[in-house]
Amino acid sequence: MTGTLNTANILQTASAYLNFGTTEGSDGYGFTDSNGTCTINPTNTALVCSSDERLKKDISKLSSFSMLEKLSQLQG
């Protein structure tokens, strides 16, 4: 079943999963807008979201040494 509610697309797949903001979907609950997609699958407790570099600020590369140093600080 596919429908529209307040100009948003809603898709219910044959296996009773719901997807919002799209007319295509897969297992789980899905949310889609112009910035990306998030899918929640309660069967395996997975939450998967797309990530877009255009939406992020102040991105810098880390050297492998500084990353290892920061990770070892987390072990407390």
N, C-alpha and C. Protein backbone atom coordinates (compact mmCIF):
# COMPACT_ATOMS: atom_id res chain seq x y z
N MET A 1 0.84 -1.17 0.00
CA MET A 1 0.00 0.00 0.00
C MET A 1 0.89 1.23 0.00
N THR A 2 0.61 2.15 -0.86
CA THR A 2 1.32 3.43 -0.89
C THR A 2 0.29 4.52 -0.77
N GLY A 3 0.59 5.54 0.03
CA GLY A 3 -0.35 6.64 0.19
C GLY A 3 0.37 7.94 0.45
N THR A 4 -0.41 8.99 0.57
CA THR A 4 0.14 10.32 0.84
C THR A 4 -0.61 10.92 2.01
N LEU A 5 0.13 11.48 2.95
CA LEU A 5 -0.45 12.14 4.11
C LEU A 5 0.21 13.49 4.25
N ASN A 6 -0.54 14.55 4.15
CA ASN A 6 0.01 15.91 4.23
C ASN A 6 1.21 16.08 3.31
N THR A 7 1.09 15.65 2.09
CA THR A 7 2.10 15.73 1.02
C THR A 7 3.33 14.87 1.26
N ALA A 8 3.33 13.99 2.24
CA ALA A 8 4.47 13.09 2.48
C ALA A 8 4.10 11.70 2.00
N ASN A 9 5.02 11.04 1.35
CA ASN A 9 4.78 9.67 0.89
C ASN A 9 4.90 8.69 2.05
N ILE A 10 4.02 7.71 2.07
CA ILE A 10 4.06 6.64 3.06
C ILE A 10 3.94 5.33 2.30
N LEU A 11 4.85 4.40 2.55
CA LEU A 11 4.83 3.10 1.89
C LEU A 11 4.72 2.01 2.94
N GLN A 12 3.74 1.14 2.80
CA GLN A 12 3.67 -0.05 3.64
C GLN A 12 3.98 -1.23 2.74
N THR A 13 5.06 -1.93 3.05
CA THR A 13 5.47 -3.06 2.22
C THR A 13 4.60 -4.27 2.49
N ALA A 14 4.73 -5.27 1.65
CA ALA A 14 3.92 -6.49 1.79
C ALA A 14 4.16 -7.17 3.13
N SER A 15 5.34 -7.01 3.71
CA SER A 15 5.65 -7.64 5.00
C SER A 15 5.34 -6.72 6.17
N ALA A 16 4.53 -5.67 5.95
CA ALA A 16 4.02 -4.77 6.98
C ALA A 16 5.05 -3.80 7.53
N TYR A 17 6.14 -3.56 6.80
CA TYR A 17 7.10 -2.55 7.23
C TYR A 17 6.66 -1.19 6.71
N LEU A 18 6.99 -0.13 7.44
CA LEU A 18 6.60 1.22 7.05
C LEU A 18 7.81 2.03 6.64
N ASN A 19 7.66 2.81 5.59
CA ASN A 19 8.70 3.73 5.13
C ASN A 19 8.05 5.07 4.87
N PHE A 20 8.65 6.14 5.39
CA PHE A 20 8.09 7.48 5.27
C PHE A 20 8.97 8.33 4.38
N GLY A 21 8.35 9.16 3.56
CA GLY A 21 9.10 10.08 2.70
C GLY A 21 9.58 9.45 1.42
N THR A 22 9.11 8.25 1.10
CA THR A 22 9.57 7.56 -0.10
C THR A 22 8.46 6.65 -0.62
N THR A 23 8.58 6.26 -1.86
CA THR A 23 7.65 5.28 -2.42
C THR A 23 8.34 3.95 -2.63
N GLU A 24 9.58 3.82 -2.16
CA GLU A 24 10.34 2.57 -2.23
C GLU A 24 10.84 2.26 -0.83
N GLY A 25 11.02 1.00 -0.51
CA GLY A 25 11.51 0.70 0.82
C GLY A 25 11.87 -0.75 1.00
N SER A 26 12.34 -1.04 2.20
CA SER A 26 12.75 -2.40 2.55
C SER A 26 12.31 -2.68 3.97
N ASP A 27 12.83 -3.73 4.55
CA ASP A 27 12.44 -4.14 5.90
C ASP A 27 12.78 -3.07 6.93
N GLY A 28 11.95 -2.95 7.93
CA GLY A 28 12.18 -2.00 9.01
C GLY A 28 11.32 -0.77 8.84
N TYR A 29 11.64 0.26 9.59
CA TYR A 29 10.98 1.55 9.47
C TYR A 29 11.96 2.48 8.81
N GLY A 30 11.53 3.18 7.78
CA GLY A 30 12.45 4.04 7.06
C GLY A 30 11.95 5.46 6.98
N PHE A 31 12.89 6.40 7.06
CA PHE A 31 12.60 7.82 6.94
C PHE A 31 13.53 8.40 5.90
N THR A 32 12.98 9.10 4.92
CA THR A 32 13.77 9.64 3.83
C THR A 32 13.38 11.09 3.61
N ASP A 33 14.39 11.95 3.47
CA ASP A 33 14.15 13.31 3.02
C ASP A 33 15.28 13.70 2.09
N SER A 34 15.36 14.97 1.72
CA SER A 34 16.37 15.39 0.74
C SER A 34 17.79 15.29 1.29
N ASN A 35 17.96 15.15 2.61
CA ASN A 35 19.29 15.06 3.21
C ASN A 35 19.79 13.63 3.37
N GLY A 36 18.91 12.65 3.28
CA GLY A 36 19.37 11.27 3.45
C GLY A 36 18.27 10.35 3.91
N THR A 37 18.69 9.20 4.42
CA THR A 37 17.77 8.14 4.81
C THR A 37 18.21 7.52 6.14
N CYS A 38 17.25 7.19 6.99
CA CYS A 38 17.50 6.41 8.20
C CYS A 38 16.56 5.21 8.18
N THR A 39 17.10 4.04 8.48
CA THR A 39 16.31 2.82 8.53
C THR A 39 16.48 2.19 9.90
N ILE A 40 15.37 1.84 10.52
CA ILE A 40 15.38 1.19 11.83
C ILE A 40 14.82 -0.21 11.64
N ASN A 41 15.59 -1.23 12.02
CA ASN A 41 15.14 -2.61 11.90
C ASN A 41 15.02 -3.19 13.31
N PRO A 42 13.80 -3.31 13.83
CA PRO A 42 13.64 -3.81 15.20
C PRO A 42 14.01 -5.27 15.37
N THR A 43 14.09 -6.02 14.28
CA THR A 43 14.44 -7.44 14.38
C THR A 43 15.86 -7.62 14.89
N ASN A 44 16.80 -6.84 14.36
CA ASN A 44 18.19 -6.96 14.80
C ASN A 44 18.69 -5.69 15.48
N THR A 45 17.79 -4.82 15.88
CA THR A 45 18.06 -3.55 16.58
C THR A 45 19.05 -2.67 15.83
N ALA A 46 19.03 -2.71 14.51
CA ALA A 46 19.95 -1.89 13.71
C ALA A 46 19.33 -0.52 13.42
N LEU A 47 20.14 0.50 13.53
CA LEU A 47 19.78 1.86 13.12
C LEU A 47 20.85 2.28 12.13
N VAL A 48 20.47 2.48 10.88
CA VAL A 48 21.42 2.81 9.83
C VAL A 48 20.97 4.11 9.19
N CYS A 49 21.86 5.10 9.18
CA CYS A 49 21.56 6.39 8.57
C CYS A 49 22.65 6.76 7.58
N SER A 50 22.22 7.36 6.48
CA SER A 50 23.20 7.85 5.52
C SER A 50 23.87 9.09 6.10
N SER A 51 25.04 9.37 5.64
CA SER A 51 25.80 10.52 6.12
C SER A 51 26.32 11.27 4.91
N ASP A 52 26.17 12.57 4.92
CA ASP A 52 26.57 13.38 3.78
C ASP A 52 27.59 14.41 4.23
N GLU A 53 28.76 14.36 3.64
CA GLU A 53 29.84 15.28 4.00
C GLU A 53 29.42 16.74 3.82
N ARG A 54 28.51 17.00 2.89
CA ARG A 54 28.06 18.38 2.66
C ARG A 54 27.35 18.97 3.87
N LEU A 55 26.84 18.12 4.76
CA LEU A 55 26.10 18.59 5.93
C LEU A 55 26.99 18.81 7.14
N LYS A 56 28.27 18.51 7.03
CA LYS A 56 29.18 18.60 8.17
C LYS A 56 30.11 19.80 8.03
N LYS A 57 30.59 20.27 9.17
CA LYS A 57 31.51 21.41 9.20
C LYS A 57 32.76 21.02 9.97
N ASP A 58 33.85 21.71 9.73
CA ASP A 58 35.10 21.55 10.47
C ASP A 58 35.62 20.11 10.44
N ILE A 59 35.61 19.48 9.28
CA ILE A 59 36.14 18.13 9.14
C ILE A 59 37.64 18.22 8.93
N SER A 60 38.40 17.44 9.69
CA SER A 60 39.85 17.42 9.51
C SER A 60 40.34 15.98 9.60
N LYS A 61 41.42 15.70 8.90
CA LYS A 61 42.00 14.36 8.92
C LYS A 61 42.81 14.17 10.20
N LEU A 62 42.82 12.96 10.71
CA LEU A 62 43.60 12.63 11.90
C LEU A 62 44.73 11.69 11.49
N SER A 63 45.88 11.91 12.07
CA SER A 63 46.97 10.97 11.82
C SER A 63 46.70 9.70 12.61
N SER A 64 47.22 8.58 12.15
CA SER A 64 46.96 7.32 12.84
C SER A 64 47.51 7.35 14.26
N PHE A 65 48.64 8.06 14.49
CA PHE A 65 49.20 8.14 15.83
C PHE A 65 48.28 8.92 16.76
N SER A 66 47.78 10.08 16.32
CA SER A 66 46.92 10.87 17.20
C SER A 66 45.60 10.14 17.46
N MET A 67 45.11 9.39 16.50
CA MET A 67 43.88 8.62 16.70
C MET A 67 44.11 7.53 17.74
N LEU A 68 45.22 6.82 17.66
CA LEU A 68 45.54 5.78 18.63
C LEU A 68 45.70 6.38 20.02
N GLU A 69 46.34 7.53 20.10
CA GLU A 69 46.52 8.21 21.39
C GLU A 69 45.17 8.59 21.99
N LYS A 70 44.28 9.12 21.19
CA LYS A 70 42.96 9.51 21.69
C LYS A 70 42.14 8.29 22.13
N LEU A 71 42.24 7.19 21.37
CA LEU A 71 41.52 5.98 21.75
C LEU A 71 42.04 5.39 23.05
N SER A 72 43.35 5.42 23.27
CA SER A 72 43.89 4.87 24.51
C SER A 72 43.50 5.73 25.71
N GLN A 73 43.23 7.01 25.51
CA GLN A 73 42.75 7.86 26.60
C GLN A 73 41.34 7.47 27.03
N LEU A 74 40.56 6.89 26.13
CA LEU A 74 39.20 6.49 26.45
C LEU A 74 39.14 5.27 27.35
N GLN A 75 40.20 4.48 27.38
CA GLN A 75 40.19 3.25 28.17
C GLN A 75 40.29 3.51 29.66
N GLY A 76 40.64 4.73 30.05
CA GLY A 76 40.65 5.21 31.41
C GLY A 76 41.30 4.34 32.38
